[in-house]
Protein backbone atom coordinates (compact mmCIF):
# COMPACT_ATOMS: atom_id res chain seq x y z
CA MET A 1 -25.79 -32.90 -45.57
CA ILE A 2 -23.56 -30.58 -43.52
CA GLY A 3 -23.43 -30.12 -39.76
CA PHE A 4 -26.16 -27.49 -39.92
CA THR A 5 -28.59 -29.85 -41.67
CA SER A 6 -30.09 -30.79 -38.33
CA LEU A 7 -31.17 -27.14 -38.04
CA ARG A 8 -32.94 -27.18 -41.40
CA PHE A 9 -35.97 -28.96 -39.92
CA SER A 10 -36.23 -26.35 -37.17
CA ALA A 11 -35.82 -23.24 -39.34
CA ARG A 12 -39.54 -22.60 -39.62
CA TYR A 13 -39.99 -23.24 -35.90
CA ALA A 14 -37.22 -20.79 -35.09
CA PHE A 15 -39.10 -18.15 -37.06
CA ILE A 16 -42.36 -19.03 -35.26
CA ALA A 17 -40.52 -18.69 -31.94
CA PHE A 18 -39.20 -15.32 -33.06
CA ALA A 19 -42.76 -14.16 -33.80
CA CYS A 20 -43.97 -15.47 -30.43
CA VAL A 21 -41.29 -13.47 -28.64
CA LEU A 22 -42.58 -10.35 -30.36
CA VAL A 23 -46.16 -11.09 -29.35
CA VAL A 24 -45.29 -11.83 -25.72
CA SER A 25 -43.05 -8.78 -25.48
CA ALA A 26 -45.78 -6.57 -26.91
CA ALA A 27 -48.36 -7.99 -24.50
CA ARG A 28 -46.09 -7.33 -21.53
CA ALA A 29 -45.60 -3.82 -22.80
CA GLY A 30 -49.32 -3.24 -22.37
CA GLY A 31 -50.44 -2.93 -25.96
CA PRO A 32 -51.58 -5.42 -28.62
CA PRO A 33 -48.88 -6.08 -31.23
CA GLN A 34 -51.25 -5.79 -34.12
CA GLN A 35 -52.00 -2.17 -33.36
CA ALA A 36 -49.19 -0.24 -34.95
CA MET A 37 -48.75 3.28 -36.16
CA ALA A 38 -46.06 5.23 -37.90
CA VAL A 39 -43.28 6.49 -35.67
CA GLU A 40 -43.23 10.20 -35.12
CA ALA A 41 -40.91 11.89 -37.58
CA PRO A 42 -37.53 12.81 -36.15
CA ARG A 43 -36.72 16.47 -35.97
CA ARG A 44 -33.87 15.98 -38.43
CA CYS A 45 -32.09 13.24 -40.33
CA GLU A 46 -29.78 11.10 -38.21
CA PHE A 47 -26.60 9.43 -39.43
CA SER A 48 -24.76 6.61 -37.65
CA LEU A 49 -21.75 4.36 -38.21
CA THR A 50 -21.40 0.88 -36.73
CA LEU A 51 -18.16 -1.11 -36.51
CA ASP A 52 -18.28 -4.69 -35.29
CA THR A 53 -16.26 -7.88 -35.16
CA GLY A 54 -16.46 -11.28 -33.49
CA TRP A 55 -16.34 -14.99 -34.31
CA ARG A 56 -18.13 -16.87 -37.08
CA GLU A 57 -18.20 -20.51 -38.16
CA ASP A 58 -19.41 -21.69 -41.58
CA ASP A 59 -20.20 -25.03 -43.17
CA LEU A 60 -20.63 -25.39 -46.95
CA GLU A 61 -21.49 -28.54 -48.90
CA TRP A 62 -22.47 -29.41 -52.47
CA THR A 63 -23.12 -32.61 -54.42
CA ILE A 64 -23.39 -33.41 -58.11
CA ALA A 65 -24.95 -36.36 -59.93
CA GLY A 66 -23.51 -38.52 -62.68
CA ASP A 67 -25.75 -37.03 -65.40
CA SER A 68 -28.05 -34.08 -66.05
CA HIS A 69 -31.10 -36.07 -64.92
CA GLY A 70 -29.68 -36.74 -61.47
CA HIS A 71 -28.76 -40.42 -61.95
CA HIS A 72 -25.82 -42.81 -62.58
CA PRO A 73 -25.21 -42.26 -59.67
CA ASN A 74 -27.47 -39.74 -57.93
CA ILE A 75 -24.44 -38.53 -55.96
CA LEU A 76 -21.18 -38.76 -57.88
CA SER A 77 -19.15 -36.19 -55.91
CA ASP A 78 -19.73 -34.72 -52.47
CA LEU A 79 -17.58 -31.82 -51.26
CA GLU A 80 -17.86 -30.39 -47.76
CA TRP A 81 -16.08 -27.53 -46.02
CA LYS A 82 -16.66 -27.94 -42.31
CA ASP A 83 -15.93 -25.91 -39.17
CA VAL A 84 -14.52 -23.00 -41.17
CA GLU A 85 -13.62 -20.44 -38.51
CA ILE A 86 -13.80 -16.79 -39.59
CA VAL A 87 -12.82 -13.47 -38.01
CA PRO A 88 -15.18 -10.87 -39.54
CA VAL A 89 -14.91 -7.09 -39.53
CA ALA A 90 -17.99 -5.15 -40.63
CA LEU A 91 -18.84 -1.49 -41.18
CA MET A 92 -22.40 -0.26 -41.61
CA ALA A 93 -23.76 3.22 -42.29
CA GLU A 94 -27.37 4.11 -41.56
CA VAL A 95 -29.39 7.21 -42.34
CA LYS A 96 -32.64 7.68 -40.45
CA LEU A 97 -34.82 9.97 -42.50
CA ARG A 98 -37.93 11.88 -41.63
CA ASP A 99 -41.21 9.96 -41.24
CA GLY A 100 -39.41 6.92 -39.86
CA TRP A 101 -37.63 5.79 -43.03
CA ARG A 102 -34.19 4.17 -42.74
CA VAL A 103 -31.51 3.48 -45.33
CA GLU A 104 -28.70 1.04 -44.53
CA ILE A 105 -25.59 0.10 -46.47
CA GLY A 106 -22.97 -2.21 -45.03
CA GLY A 107 -20.04 -4.41 -45.91
CA GLU A 108 -18.01 -7.11 -44.21
CA TYR A 109 -14.70 -8.86 -44.83
CA GLY A 110 -13.77 -12.06 -43.03
CA TRP A 111 -10.49 -13.95 -42.68
CA MET A 112 -10.71 -17.75 -42.62
CA THR A 113 -8.35 -18.88 -39.87
CA ASP A 114 -9.14 -22.59 -39.84
CA GLY A 115 -11.24 -25.16 -41.67
CA ARG A 116 -11.31 -28.61 -43.22
CA ASN A 117 -12.40 -29.90 -46.62
CA ARG A 118 -13.55 -33.40 -47.53
CA ASP A 119 -13.84 -34.54 -51.17
CA SER A 120 -15.61 -37.88 -51.77
CA ASP A 121 -16.52 -39.68 -55.02
CA TYR A 122 -18.93 -42.63 -55.40
CA ASP A 123 -19.60 -45.35 -57.97
CA SER A 124 -23.15 -46.13 -56.79
CA SER A 125 -26.16 -44.08 -55.75
CA ASP A 126 -26.91 -42.97 -52.19
CA ARG A 127 -23.22 -42.54 -51.34
CA ARG A 128 -22.35 -46.22 -51.80
CA ASP A 129 -19.11 -47.68 -53.17
CA GLU A 130 -16.92 -44.71 -52.30
CA PHE A 131 -13.83 -44.99 -54.48
CA SER A 132 -12.01 -41.79 -53.55
CA ARG A 133 -11.76 -39.58 -50.49
CA SER A 134 -9.33 -36.82 -49.62
CA TYR A 135 -9.00 -34.14 -46.97
CA ALA A 136 -7.39 -30.71 -47.06
CA ASP A 137 -6.84 -27.64 -44.90
CA THR A 138 -8.95 -24.63 -45.84
CA ARG A 139 -8.10 -20.94 -45.71
CA GLY A 140 -9.50 -17.98 -47.62
CA HIS A 141 -11.86 -15.09 -47.05
CA THR A 142 -15.50 -14.03 -47.06
CA ILE A 143 -17.24 -10.89 -48.34
CA ASP A 144 -20.76 -9.77 -47.41
CA ALA A 145 -22.67 -6.65 -48.42
CA GLU A 146 -26.20 -5.33 -47.96
CA PHE A 147 -28.29 -2.38 -49.08
CA ALA A 148 -31.70 -2.05 -47.42
CA LEU A 149 -34.62 0.34 -47.00
CA GLY A 150 -36.76 0.13 -43.87
CA HIS A 151 -39.56 1.94 -42.10
CA ASP A 152 -40.15 2.16 -38.35
CA LEU A 153 -43.50 1.14 -36.86
CA ARG A 154 -44.31 0.71 -33.22
CA PRO A 155 -47.27 -0.28 -31.05
CA VAL A 156 -49.34 2.22 -29.12
CA ALA A 157 -47.41 1.42 -25.94
CA ARG A 158 -44.29 2.80 -27.65
CA VAL A 159 -42.08 0.17 -26.05
CA ILE A 160 -41.50 -2.07 -29.09
CA THR A 161 -40.44 -0.69 -32.45
CA PHE A 162 -41.06 -2.86 -35.50
CA THR A 163 -39.07 -2.18 -38.68
CA PRO A 164 -39.83 -4.05 -41.92
CA TRP A 165 -37.01 -4.09 -44.49
CA LEU A 166 -36.51 -4.66 -48.21
CA GLY A 167 -33.11 -4.78 -49.86
CA LEU A 168 -30.33 -6.50 -51.79
CA ASP A 169 -27.76 -8.88 -50.30
CA TYR A 170 -24.47 -10.34 -51.54
CA HIS A 171 -22.35 -13.09 -49.94
CA GLN A 172 -19.08 -14.65 -51.08
CA GLN A 173 -16.89 -17.47 -49.79
CA HIS A 174 -13.42 -17.81 -51.33
CA LEU A 175 -12.20 -21.26 -50.25
CA ASN A 176 -8.56 -22.21 -50.81
CA ASP A 177 -7.61 -25.85 -50.09
CA ARG A 178 -4.04 -26.94 -49.37
CA ASN A 179 -2.11 -29.75 -47.62
CA GLY A 180 -4.02 -32.63 -49.21
CA LEU A 181 -4.33 -36.09 -47.66
CA GLN A 182 -5.69 -39.05 -49.67
CA VAL A 183 -7.34 -41.71 -47.49
CA ILE A 184 -9.30 -43.75 -50.07
CA ASP A 185 -8.10 -44.45 -53.63
CA LYS A 186 -9.52 -47.66 -55.07
CA GLU A 187 -8.30 -46.86 -58.59
CA PHE A 188 -4.57 -46.29 -58.02
CA GLY A 189 -4.06 -47.08 -54.34
CA ASP A 190 -2.01 -43.89 -53.89
CA LEU A 191 -2.62 -42.94 -50.25
CA GLY A 192 -1.13 -40.39 -47.87
CA PRO A 193 -0.20 -36.70 -48.13
CA PHE A 194 0.16 -35.19 -51.59
CA GLN A 195 2.04 -32.04 -52.48
CA GLY A 196 1.13 -29.02 -54.57
CA LEU A 197 -2.58 -28.76 -53.77
CA ASP A 198 -3.80 -25.17 -54.21
CA SER A 199 -7.43 -25.56 -55.30
CA VAL A 200 -9.96 -22.74 -55.16
CA TYR A 201 -13.75 -22.76 -54.95
CA GLN A 202 -15.44 -19.34 -54.93
CA ALA A 203 -19.15 -19.26 -54.12
CA GLU A 204 -21.37 -16.20 -54.61
CA TRP A 205 -24.95 -15.63 -53.44
CA PHE A 206 -26.81 -12.55 -54.70
CA GLY A 207 -30.48 -11.75 -54.25
CA VAL A 208 -33.33 -9.83 -52.70
CA MET A 209 -34.08 -9.64 -49.00
CA ALA A 210 -37.23 -9.08 -46.93
CA GLY A 211 -36.99 -8.79 -43.18
CA LEU A 212 -38.43 -7.63 -39.90
CA ASP A 213 -36.64 -6.12 -36.90
CA ALA A 214 -38.01 -5.62 -33.40
CA SER A 215 -36.46 -3.35 -30.79
CA VAL A 216 -37.84 -3.86 -27.25
CA ARG A 217 -37.03 -1.09 -24.79
CA LEU A 218 -35.96 -2.69 -21.49
CA SER A 219 -34.88 0.58 -19.86
CA ASP A 220 -33.98 4.11 -20.86
CA SER A 221 -30.57 2.92 -22.08
CA THR A 222 -31.05 -0.81 -22.83
CA ARG A 223 -32.87 -2.58 -25.67
CA LEU A 224 -33.47 -6.15 -26.78
CA LYS A 225 -32.95 -6.50 -30.55
CA LEU A 226 -34.51 -9.28 -32.65
CA ALA A 227 -34.27 -9.65 -36.42
CA ALA A 228 -35.30 -12.07 -39.16
CA ARG A 229 -34.31 -11.96 -42.83
CA TYR A 230 -35.58 -14.05 -45.73
CA GLU A 231 -33.43 -14.09 -48.88
CA HIS A 232 -34.17 -15.36 -52.38
CA PHE A 233 -30.93 -15.58 -54.34
CA THR A 234 -29.04 -16.69 -57.42
CA TYR A 235 -26.05 -18.90 -56.70
CA GLU A 236 -22.95 -18.96 -58.89
CA ALA A 237 -19.55 -20.55 -58.22
CA GLU A 238 -16.25 -20.96 -60.05
CA ALA A 239 -13.65 -23.62 -59.29
CA ASP A 240 -10.04 -24.29 -60.19
CA TRP A 241 -8.72 -27.76 -59.24
CA ASN A 242 -5.02 -27.05 -59.85
CA LEU A 243 -3.90 -30.72 -59.73
CA ARG A 244 -6.42 -31.84 -62.35
CA SER A 245 -4.56 -31.37 -65.63
CA ASP A 246 -7.58 -32.68 -67.56
CA LEU A 247 -9.75 -29.79 -66.34
CA SER A 248 -9.71 -26.11 -67.24
CA GLY A 249 -12.24 -25.48 -64.47
CA PHE A 250 -15.91 -25.87 -63.65
CA SER A 251 -18.81 -23.70 -62.52
CA HIS A 252 -22.11 -24.00 -60.68
CA ARG A 253 -25.42 -22.20 -61.21
CA ALA A 254 -28.63 -22.50 -59.19
CA ASN A 255 -31.38 -20.57 -57.40
CA GLY A 256 -32.44 -20.89 -53.80
CA ASP A 257 -33.46 -19.21 -50.59
CA GLY A 258 -32.54 -18.98 -46.94
CA TRP A 259 -33.04 -17.40 -43.53
CA ARG A 260 -30.96 -15.28 -41.19
CA LEU A 261 -31.97 -14.82 -37.53
CA CYS A 262 -30.38 -12.53 -34.96
CA ALA A 263 -30.86 -11.69 -31.27
CA GLY A 264 -28.87 -9.21 -29.20
CA LEU A 265 -28.73 -6.47 -26.58
CA GLU A 266 -27.90 -2.78 -26.97
CA TRP A 267 -26.62 -0.40 -24.30
CA ASP A 268 -26.30 3.37 -24.66
CA ILE A 269 -22.93 3.88 -22.99
CA ALA A 270 -22.63 7.61 -23.79
CA PRO A 271 -24.82 10.28 -25.40
CA ARG A 272 -23.65 9.36 -28.93
CA TRP A 273 -22.29 5.85 -28.37
CA THR A 274 -24.07 2.47 -28.27
CA LEU A 275 -22.60 -0.98 -27.54
CA GLU A 276 -24.18 -4.13 -28.98
CA LEU A 277 -23.70 -7.86 -28.33
CA ARG A 278 -25.56 -10.35 -30.52
CA GLY A 279 -25.75 -13.87 -31.86
CA GLU A 280 -26.56 -14.81 -35.47
CA TRP A 281 -27.72 -17.96 -37.26
CA SER A 282 -28.30 -18.53 -40.96
CA LEU A 283 -29.12 -21.38 -43.34
CA PHE A 284 -29.15 -21.11 -47.16
CA GLN A 285 -30.04 -23.85 -49.67
CA THR A 286 -30.22 -24.00 -53.44
CA HIS A 287 -32.58 -25.95 -55.63
CA ALA A 288 -31.16 -28.29 -58.25
CA GLY A 289 -28.91 -26.50 -60.71
CA VAL A 290 -26.19 -27.03 -63.31
CA ASP A 291 -22.59 -28.18 -62.97
CA HIS A 292 -20.66 -27.08 -66.09
CA THR A 293 -17.17 -28.51 -66.68
CA ASP A 294 -14.57 -27.26 -69.16
CA PHE A 295 -11.93 -29.82 -70.11
CA SER A 296 -8.39 -29.06 -71.19
CA ASP A 297 -9.00 -30.50 -74.67
CA GLY A 298 -11.70 -27.89 -75.33
CA THR A 299 -14.73 -30.12 -74.72
CA THR A 300 -17.41 -29.41 -72.13
CA ASP A 301 -19.90 -31.38 -70.09
CA GLU A 302 -22.90 -30.59 -67.90
CA THR A 303 -24.46 -32.58 -65.10
CA ARG A 304 -26.94 -31.96 -62.31
CA LEU A 305 -25.91 -29.88 -59.32
CA ASN A 306 -28.09 -31.53 -56.70
CA GLU A 307 -27.90 -28.92 -53.96
CA VAL A 308 -25.66 -26.43 -52.23
CA GLU A 309 -26.13 -25.84 -48.51
CA TRP A 310 -24.48 -23.14 -46.43
CA GLY A 311 -24.92 -22.75 -42.68
CA SER A 312 -23.38 -20.17 -40.39
CA VAL A 313 -23.37 -19.19 -36.71
CA ALA A 314 -21.72 -16.11 -35.23
CA VAL A 315 -21.21 -14.17 -32.02
CA ARG A 316 -20.44 -10.47 -32.49
CA ALA A 317 -19.78 -7.23 -30.63
CA GLY A 318 -20.14 -3.79 -32.14
CA VAL A 319 -20.11 -0.11 -31.34
CA THR A 320 -22.27 2.59 -32.96
CA TYR A 321 -21.54 6.31 -33.16
CA ARG A 322 -24.38 8.69 -33.99
CA LEU A 323 -23.47 11.94 -35.71
């Protein structure tokens, strides 16, 4: 699959490593990690705003089969958007309530500044007898949103704060392909650049989230932040291939799940201000779903959507102001 496929095998090990870091950090803090108690209630509710930006790179790939049973061939079309570079800007509001409860709501918009699409079609199973391949430049945007409810716990040593979370997440990639280049065309032999390409594929992931954060106090003003999120989602996508006059459009539907991991450092740079630097990694995959095509003559067809895979890495910097 995509460039992040090599990380799929290690996803569970990354989560195990994350848990090990928590255990080791708790041990060094002088208290067993399993002994936790509710954090003392704050004297009043606290409200904070966080603004961050950085660099993000996404890969997205999907394949469909020749029929609804996944055969003839098992991979008919394979589309991949690779090395899609994104400049994200995010704003998050958090309310820390009494008794350690937290409510977060955040949103992010990202501008795609670079990326490449590959579109391949095959006559035989297992990606054999490729009869068409084209490339295109990709631009577009991303949208991400989250609403979550958490509760602070911490070990007796009061050095590590654990926060479990439950919430709802939404992710969107709006991919716009232009500047097409045909490199394989066994049917017509028409190779080279082609004009007028303005195709759109819009992917949406919506679902529930369960997660765990850990904040390790390194000093009075510095903290190590670790986070893991598991998401179970519904995937839907709409496409418009503007150069295909025989198509009115097509859509995808599937279910799946994925992980997001994060590690960073926080510094209190002023009484109400905190600076954060962090790295993020995520991998989402769908199960088999449905590819529904609407043709210009009014007829429709459905085939098997084999899988959609989305991987992302990011480096970000943010600043938080506490009211």
